């Protein structure tokens, strides 16, 4: 991973998983929310980080919350808005 902002976000997600008693390691394609690994509070934290770090407008009509279920989707979202 070459993008330091995405690397920081990945570490944040790993920390969230560990705090919930889940393994901190996860694959890019692993479901984070539909699987129940993370909860709505974690989603809010990820959304805030996407907004502040990547400038993603959460009020954008094209934004869909399902775009953050996996790190691969989060990466795609972040890179498409950069």
N, C-alpha and C. Protein backbone atom coordinates (compact mmCIF):
# COMPACT_ATOMS: atom_id res chain seq x y z
N UNK A 1 0.87 -1.17 0.00
CA UNK A 1 0.00 0.00 0.00
C UNK A 1 0.91 1.23 0.00
N UNK A 2 0.73 2.09 -0.98
CA UNK A 2 1.62 3.23 -1.11
C UNK A 2 1.03 4.51 -0.54
N UNK A 3 -0.27 4.58 -0.38
CA UNK A 3 -0.91 5.79 0.11
C UNK A 3 -0.84 5.81 1.65
N UNK A 4 -0.07 6.76 2.22
CA UNK A 4 0.05 6.79 3.68
C UNK A 4 -1.26 7.08 4.39
N UNK A 5 -2.15 7.83 3.75
CA UNK A 5 -3.45 8.12 4.37
C UNK A 5 -4.28 6.85 4.49
N UNK A 6 -4.24 6.01 3.44
CA UNK A 6 -4.97 4.75 3.50
C UNK A 6 -4.33 3.79 4.49
N UNK A 7 -3.00 3.82 4.61
CA UNK A 7 -2.32 2.98 5.59
C UNK A 7 -2.73 3.37 7.01
N UNK A 8 -2.86 4.67 7.26
CA UNK A 8 -3.31 5.15 8.57
C UNK A 8 -4.75 4.71 8.83
N UNK A 9 -5.60 4.80 7.82
CA UNK A 9 -6.99 4.37 7.97
C UNK A 9 -7.05 2.87 8.24
N UNK A 10 -6.22 2.09 7.57
CA UNK A 10 -6.18 0.65 7.79
C UNK A 10 -5.80 0.35 9.24
N UNK A 11 -4.81 1.07 9.78
CA UNK A 11 -4.42 0.88 11.18
C UNK A 11 -5.57 1.25 12.12
N UNK A 12 -6.30 2.31 11.78
CA UNK A 12 -7.45 2.71 12.60
C UNK A 12 -8.49 1.60 12.64
N UNK A 13 -8.75 1.00 11.48
CA UNK A 13 -9.73 -0.09 11.41
C UNK A 13 -9.23 -1.29 12.20
N UNK A 14 -7.94 -1.59 12.09
CA UNK A 14 -7.36 -2.70 12.87
C UNK A 14 -7.55 -2.45 14.37
N UNK A 15 -7.33 -1.22 14.80
CA UNK A 15 -7.53 -0.87 16.21
C UNK A 15 -8.99 -1.04 16.62
N UNK A 16 -9.91 -0.62 15.75
CA UNK A 16 -11.34 -0.78 16.06
C UNK A 16 -11.70 -2.26 16.21
N UNK A 17 -11.17 -3.09 15.31
CA UNK A 17 -11.43 -4.52 15.38
C UNK A 17 -10.89 -5.10 16.69
N UNK A 18 -9.67 -4.73 17.04
CA UNK A 18 -9.06 -5.25 18.28
C UNK A 18 -9.86 -4.83 19.51
N UNK A 19 -10.34 -3.59 19.53
CA UNK A 19 -11.15 -3.13 20.68
C UNK A 19 -12.45 -3.92 20.80
N UNK A 20 -12.94 -4.44 19.69
CA UNK A 20 -14.17 -5.24 19.72
C UNK A 20 -13.88 -6.73 19.91
N UNK A 21 -12.62 -7.07 20.20
CA UNK A 21 -12.27 -8.47 20.44
C UNK A 21 -12.13 -9.30 19.19
N UNK A 22 -11.98 -8.64 18.06
CA UNK A 22 -11.82 -9.32 16.77
C UNK A 22 -10.34 -9.33 16.40
N UNK A 23 -9.93 -10.26 15.54
CA UNK A 23 -8.54 -10.22 15.06
C UNK A 23 -8.28 -8.89 14.34
N UNK A 24 -7.13 -8.30 14.61
CA UNK A 24 -6.81 -6.99 14.02
C UNK A 24 -6.46 -7.09 12.55
N UNK A 25 -6.04 -8.25 12.10
CA UNK A 25 -5.68 -8.43 10.69
C UNK A 25 -6.94 -8.73 9.88
N UNK A 26 -7.02 -8.13 8.71
CA UNK A 26 -8.16 -8.39 7.84
C UNK A 26 -7.73 -8.22 6.39
N UNK A 27 -8.40 -8.95 5.51
CA UNK A 27 -8.11 -8.85 4.07
C UNK A 27 -8.90 -7.69 3.49
N UNK A 28 -8.41 -7.16 2.40
CA UNK A 28 -9.07 -6.02 1.76
C UNK A 28 -10.53 -6.30 1.42
N UNK A 29 -10.83 -7.54 1.07
CA UNK A 29 -12.18 -7.89 0.63
C UNK A 29 -13.10 -8.34 1.78
N UNK A 30 -12.57 -8.47 2.99
CA UNK A 30 -13.40 -8.91 4.13
C UNK A 30 -14.51 -7.91 4.42
N UNK A 31 -15.70 -8.43 4.66
CA UNK A 31 -16.82 -7.58 5.07
C UNK A 31 -16.57 -7.12 6.51
N UNK A 32 -16.65 -5.82 6.72
CA UNK A 32 -16.42 -5.26 8.05
C UNK A 32 -17.73 -5.05 8.82
N UNK A 33 -18.78 -4.70 8.11
CA UNK A 33 -20.04 -4.36 8.78
C UNK A 33 -21.12 -5.42 8.57
N UNK A 34 -21.33 -5.85 7.34
CA UNK A 34 -22.36 -6.87 7.11
C UNK A 34 -22.04 -8.14 7.88
N UNK A 35 -20.76 -8.39 8.12
CA UNK A 35 -20.33 -9.58 8.87
C UNK A 35 -20.48 -9.41 10.37
N UNK A 36 -20.68 -8.16 10.82
CA UNK A 36 -20.80 -7.90 12.25
C UNK A 36 -19.47 -7.66 12.95
N UNK A 37 -18.35 -7.63 12.19
CA UNK A 37 -17.05 -7.38 12.83
C UNK A 37 -17.00 -6.00 13.46
N UNK A 38 -17.58 -5.01 12.79
CA UNK A 38 -17.62 -3.64 13.31
C UNK A 38 -19.07 -3.20 13.45
N UNK A 39 -19.29 -2.19 14.29
CA UNK A 39 -20.64 -1.70 14.55
C UNK A 39 -20.84 -0.30 13.99
N UNK A 40 -22.00 0.27 14.26
CA UNK A 40 -22.35 1.58 13.71
C UNK A 40 -21.44 2.69 14.25
N UNK A 41 -20.98 2.57 15.49
CA UNK A 41 -20.06 3.57 16.02
C UNK A 41 -18.75 3.56 15.24
N UNK A 42 -18.30 2.38 14.86
CA UNK A 42 -17.10 2.26 14.04
C UNK A 42 -17.34 2.88 12.66
N UNK A 43 -18.53 2.67 12.12
CA UNK A 43 -18.86 3.26 10.81
C UNK A 43 -18.78 4.78 10.87
N UNK A 44 -19.30 5.35 11.95
CA UNK A 44 -19.24 6.80 12.11
C UNK A 44 -17.79 7.27 12.15
N UNK A 45 -16.94 6.56 12.88
CA UNK A 45 -15.53 6.94 12.96
C UNK A 45 -14.86 6.86 11.59
N UNK A 46 -15.16 5.81 10.84
CA UNK A 46 -14.58 5.67 9.50
C UNK A 46 -15.08 6.79 8.60
N UNK A 47 -16.38 7.07 8.67
CA UNK A 47 -16.95 8.14 7.84
C UNK A 47 -16.32 9.49 8.16
N UNK A 48 -16.12 9.77 9.45
CA UNK A 48 -15.49 11.03 9.84
C UNK A 48 -14.06 11.12 9.30
N UNK A 49 -13.36 10.00 9.36
CA UNK A 49 -11.99 10.00 8.84
C UNK A 49 -11.97 10.17 7.32
N UNK A 50 -12.91 9.55 6.64
CA UNK A 50 -13.00 9.72 5.18
C UNK A 50 -13.31 11.17 4.82
N UNK A 51 -14.17 11.77 5.60
CA UNK A 51 -14.55 13.16 5.35
C UNK A 51 -13.37 14.10 5.62
N UNK A 52 -12.71 13.94 6.75
CA UNK A 52 -11.65 14.89 7.11
C UNK A 52 -10.35 14.63 6.34
N UNK A 53 -10.01 13.38 6.10
CA UNK A 53 -8.74 13.07 5.47
C UNK A 53 -8.81 13.09 3.95
N UNK A 54 -9.93 12.62 3.40
CA UNK A 54 -10.04 12.48 1.95
C UNK A 54 -11.01 13.49 1.33
N UNK A 55 -11.67 14.30 2.16
CA UNK A 55 -12.57 15.31 1.64
C UNK A 55 -13.85 14.76 1.03
N UNK A 56 -14.23 13.57 1.46
CA UNK A 56 -15.44 12.95 0.92
C UNK A 56 -16.66 13.64 1.51
N UNK A 57 -17.54 14.10 0.65
CA UNK A 57 -18.76 14.78 1.07
C UNK A 57 -19.83 13.73 1.34
N UNK A 58 -20.11 13.51 2.61
CA UNK A 58 -21.09 12.49 2.98
C UNK A 58 -22.51 12.90 2.62
N UNK A 59 -22.72 14.16 2.32
CA UNK A 59 -24.03 14.64 1.89
C UNK A 59 -24.24 14.51 0.40
N UNK A 60 -23.21 14.06 -0.31
CA UNK A 60 -23.29 13.88 -1.75
C UNK A 60 -24.35 12.82 -2.07
N UNK A 61 -25.28 13.12 -2.96
CA UNK A 61 -26.33 12.14 -3.28
C UNK A 61 -25.79 10.83 -3.85
N UNK A 62 -24.57 10.85 -4.39
CA UNK A 62 -23.98 9.63 -4.94
C UNK A 62 -23.32 8.76 -3.86
N UNK A 63 -23.18 9.31 -2.63
CA UNK A 63 -22.56 8.53 -1.57
C UNK A 63 -23.54 7.47 -1.08
N UNK A 64 -23.04 6.25 -0.92
CA UNK A 64 -23.85 5.12 -0.45
C UNK A 64 -23.07 4.43 0.67
N UNK A 65 -23.68 4.29 1.82
CA UNK A 65 -23.02 3.72 3.00
C UNK A 65 -22.46 2.33 2.72
N UNK A 66 -23.03 1.61 1.78
CA UNK A 66 -22.52 0.27 1.46
C UNK A 66 -21.13 0.32 0.84
N UNK A 67 -20.67 1.51 0.49
CA UNK A 67 -19.34 1.68 -0.10
C UNK A 67 -18.22 1.55 0.93
N UNK A 68 -18.56 1.32 2.18
CA UNK A 68 -17.51 1.19 3.19
C UNK A 68 -17.54 -0.17 3.89
N UNK A 69 -18.14 -1.19 3.28
CA UNK A 69 -18.23 -2.49 3.94
C UNK A 69 -16.90 -3.25 3.94
N UNK A 70 -16.04 -2.98 2.98
CA UNK A 70 -14.73 -3.63 2.95
C UNK A 70 -13.66 -2.57 2.72
N UNK A 71 -12.43 -2.93 3.06
CA UNK A 71 -11.35 -1.96 2.86
C UNK A 71 -11.13 -1.71 1.37
N UNK A 72 -11.36 -2.72 0.54
CA UNK A 72 -11.24 -2.53 -0.91
C UNK A 72 -12.24 -1.47 -1.38
N UNK A 73 -13.46 -1.51 -0.86
CA UNK A 73 -14.47 -0.52 -1.24
C UNK A 73 -14.11 0.86 -0.69
N UNK A 74 -13.59 0.90 0.53
CA UNK A 74 -13.17 2.16 1.12
C UNK A 74 -12.05 2.78 0.29
N UNK A 75 -11.08 1.95 -0.11
CA UNK A 75 -9.97 2.41 -0.94
C UNK A 75 -10.48 2.96 -2.26
N UNK A 76 -11.39 2.23 -2.89
CA UNK A 76 -11.95 2.68 -4.16
C UNK A 76 -12.67 4.02 -3.99
N UNK A 77 -13.44 4.16 -2.93
CA UNK A 77 -14.15 5.40 -2.65
C UNK A 77 -13.17 6.55 -2.44
N UNK A 78 -12.17 6.33 -1.60
CA UNK A 78 -11.19 7.37 -1.30
C UNK A 78 -10.43 7.80 -2.54
N UNK A 79 -10.02 6.83 -3.34
CA UNK A 79 -9.25 7.15 -4.55
C UNK A 79 -10.11 7.82 -5.62
N UNK A 80 -11.38 7.50 -5.65
CA UNK A 80 -12.25 8.11 -6.67
C UNK A 80 -12.58 9.56 -6.35
N UNK A 81 -12.44 9.93 -5.08
CA UNK A 81 -12.77 11.29 -4.66
C UNK A 81 -11.52 12.15 -4.47
N UNK A 82 -10.34 11.58 -4.68
CA UNK A 82 -9.10 12.33 -4.47
C UNK A 82 -8.74 13.13 -5.71
